[in-house]
């Protein structure tokens, strides 16, 4: 069983930057890690959970919430305001009879589908449809 710990994720900037998400808490079997901006409204969060269904199947959910914050000044008072937020949901559903290798393969295939050199990348990053 993995222990909740720092999660280092790398962006795709021209010079890639590592972002460290630190453990926040575990509530109702949902683990949360955050990259804090010092202002909670701007914290980027990743949550991970594992649920087992009545039939013995497993559902692993990974969610990301990535707010963009700007300062807003009204009457000389400056406050941070969320101007937009990106949301990401990954849900993996595995049969109770699946093998560890099958699960590794599915995760690897999905990870590979997000590679910058593959066409799904343009759908995600350039918001281009397929033809």
Protein backbone atom coordinates (compact mmCIF):
# COMPACT_ATOMS: atom_id res chain seq x y z
CA UNK A 1 0.00 0.00 0.00
CA UNK A 2 1.57 3.32 -1.03
CA UNK A 3 2.09 5.98 1.60
CA UNK A 4 0.86 9.51 0.89
CA UNK A 5 3.98 11.54 0.10
CA UNK A 6 5.18 14.40 -2.06
CA UNK A 7 4.22 13.99 -5.71
CA UNK A 8 6.56 15.65 -8.19
CA UNK A 9 4.96 16.38 -11.56
CA UNK A 10 6.73 17.90 -14.57
CA UNK A 11 5.07 20.43 -16.84
CA UNK A 12 5.71 20.91 -20.56
CA UNK A 13 7.20 24.40 -20.42
CA UNK A 14 9.99 25.23 -22.90
CA UNK A 15 12.33 24.38 -20.06
CA UNK A 16 10.31 21.80 -18.10
CA UNK A 17 9.70 22.60 -14.45
CA UNK A 18 9.09 20.12 -11.64
CA UNK A 19 6.12 20.98 -9.44
CA UNK A 20 6.00 19.48 -5.96
CA UNK A 21 2.56 18.62 -4.64
CA UNK A 22 2.66 18.04 -0.88
CA UNK A 23 0.22 15.93 1.14
CA UNK A 24 -2.79 17.86 2.44
CA UNK A 25 -4.96 15.12 3.92
CA UNK A 26 -6.85 11.87 3.46
CA UNK A 27 -10.61 12.18 3.91
CA UNK A 28 -13.09 9.37 3.17
CA UNK A 29 -10.39 7.40 1.34
CA UNK A 30 -9.52 10.38 -0.92
CA UNK A 31 -5.88 11.47 -0.75
CA UNK A 32 -5.15 15.11 -1.61
CA UNK A 33 -1.84 16.70 -2.54
CA UNK A 34 -1.44 20.41 -3.29
CA UNK A 35 0.98 22.84 -4.86
CA UNK A 36 0.40 25.86 -2.67
CA UNK A 37 0.61 29.42 -3.90
CA UNK A 38 0.31 30.75 -0.36
CA UNK A 39 -3.28 31.73 -1.10
CA UNK A 40 -5.62 28.73 -0.68
CA UNK A 41 -7.95 29.81 -3.50
CA UNK A 42 -5.02 29.39 -5.90
CA UNK A 43 -3.80 26.00 -4.68
CA UNK A 44 -3.45 23.43 -7.43
CA UNK A 45 -4.75 20.03 -6.23
CA UNK A 46 -4.55 16.42 -7.23
CA UNK A 47 -6.78 13.88 -5.53
CA UNK A 48 -6.55 10.12 -5.75
CA UNK A 49 -9.05 7.53 -4.58
CA UNK A 50 -9.65 3.79 -4.76
CA UNK A 51 -13.13 2.29 -4.51
CA UNK A 52 -14.04 -1.37 -4.57
CA UNK A 53 -17.45 -2.22 -5.98
CA UNK A 54 -19.86 -4.83 -4.65
CA UNK A 55 -18.75 -7.18 -7.44
CA UNK A 56 -15.11 -6.94 -6.38
CA UNK A 57 -14.12 -4.62 -9.22
CA UNK A 58 -11.88 -1.64 -8.49
CA UNK A 59 -12.21 1.99 -9.57
CA UNK A 60 -9.20 4.28 -9.28
CA UNK A 61 -9.92 7.98 -9.78
CA UNK A 62 -7.32 10.72 -10.22
CA UNK A 63 -8.58 14.29 -10.37
CA UNK A 64 -6.71 17.53 -10.92
CA UNK A 65 -7.88 21.07 -10.24
CA UNK A 66 -5.61 23.78 -11.60
CA UNK A 67 -6.83 27.35 -10.93
CA UNK A 68 -5.31 30.45 -12.50
CA UNK A 69 -5.34 33.39 -10.10
CA UNK A 70 -4.89 37.09 -10.79
CA UNK A 71 -4.92 40.00 -8.38
CA UNK A 72 -7.96 42.24 -8.56
CA UNK A 73 -7.87 45.77 -7.15
CA UNK A 74 -11.11 47.47 -6.17
CA UNK A 75 -11.08 50.74 -4.25
CA UNK A 76 -7.40 50.27 -3.50
CA UNK A 77 -7.91 46.80 -2.01
CA UNK A 78 -6.10 44.00 -3.82
CA UNK A 79 -7.41 40.45 -3.54
CA UNK A 80 -6.62 37.23 -5.43
CA UNK A 81 -9.38 36.05 -7.74
CA UNK A 82 -9.68 32.78 -9.67
CA UNK A 83 -10.11 33.78 -13.32
CA UNK A 84 -10.32 30.25 -14.77
CA UNK A 85 -9.71 26.67 -13.74
CA UNK A 86 -8.69 23.54 -15.63
CA UNK A 87 -10.20 20.28 -14.40
CA UNK A 88 -8.91 16.80 -15.20
CA UNK A 89 -10.51 13.44 -14.40
CA UNK A 90 -8.95 10.04 -14.99
CA UNK A 91 -10.99 7.00 -14.04
CA UNK A 92 -9.67 3.50 -14.37
CA UNK A 93 -12.06 0.57 -13.88
CA UNK A 94 -10.52 -2.83 -13.40
CA UNK A 95 -12.22 -6.19 -13.22
CA UNK A 96 -11.77 -8.25 -10.08
CA UNK A 97 -10.16 -10.89 -12.32
CA UNK A 98 -7.63 -8.54 -13.94
CA UNK A 99 -3.95 -9.25 -13.41
CA UNK A 100 -1.39 -6.75 -12.20
CA UNK A 101 0.31 -6.92 -15.62
CA UNK A 102 -2.96 -6.14 -17.39
CA UNK A 103 -3.44 -3.11 -15.14
CA UNK A 104 0.16 -1.98 -15.74
CA UNK A 105 -0.40 -2.30 -19.50
CA UNK A 106 -3.62 -0.24 -19.42
CA UNK A 107 -1.95 2.52 -17.37
CA UNK A 108 1.06 2.52 -19.70
CA UNK A 109 -1.12 2.67 -22.80
CA UNK A 110 -3.09 5.62 -21.46
CA UNK A 111 0.09 7.40 -20.36
CA UNK A 112 1.51 6.85 -23.85
CA UNK A 113 -1.65 8.30 -25.44
CA UNK A 114 -0.84 11.63 -23.77
CA UNK A 115 2.64 11.90 -25.30
CA UNK A 116 3.27 15.24 -27.00
CA UNK A 117 4.14 13.53 -30.29
CA UNK A 118 0.79 11.78 -30.63
CA UNK A 119 -2.37 13.24 -32.17
CA UNK A 120 -4.49 13.22 -28.97
CA UNK A 121 -2.06 15.87 -27.70
CA UNK A 122 -3.36 18.35 -30.31
CA UNK A 123 -6.94 17.68 -29.24
CA UNK A 124 -5.99 18.40 -25.63
CA UNK A 125 -3.53 21.27 -25.99
CA UNK A 126 -4.63 22.96 -29.23
CA UNK A 127 -8.33 22.08 -28.86
CA UNK A 128 -8.35 20.69 -32.39
CA UNK A 129 -10.97 18.20 -33.52
CA UNK A 130 -10.15 15.08 -35.50
CA UNK A 131 -11.06 14.36 -39.10
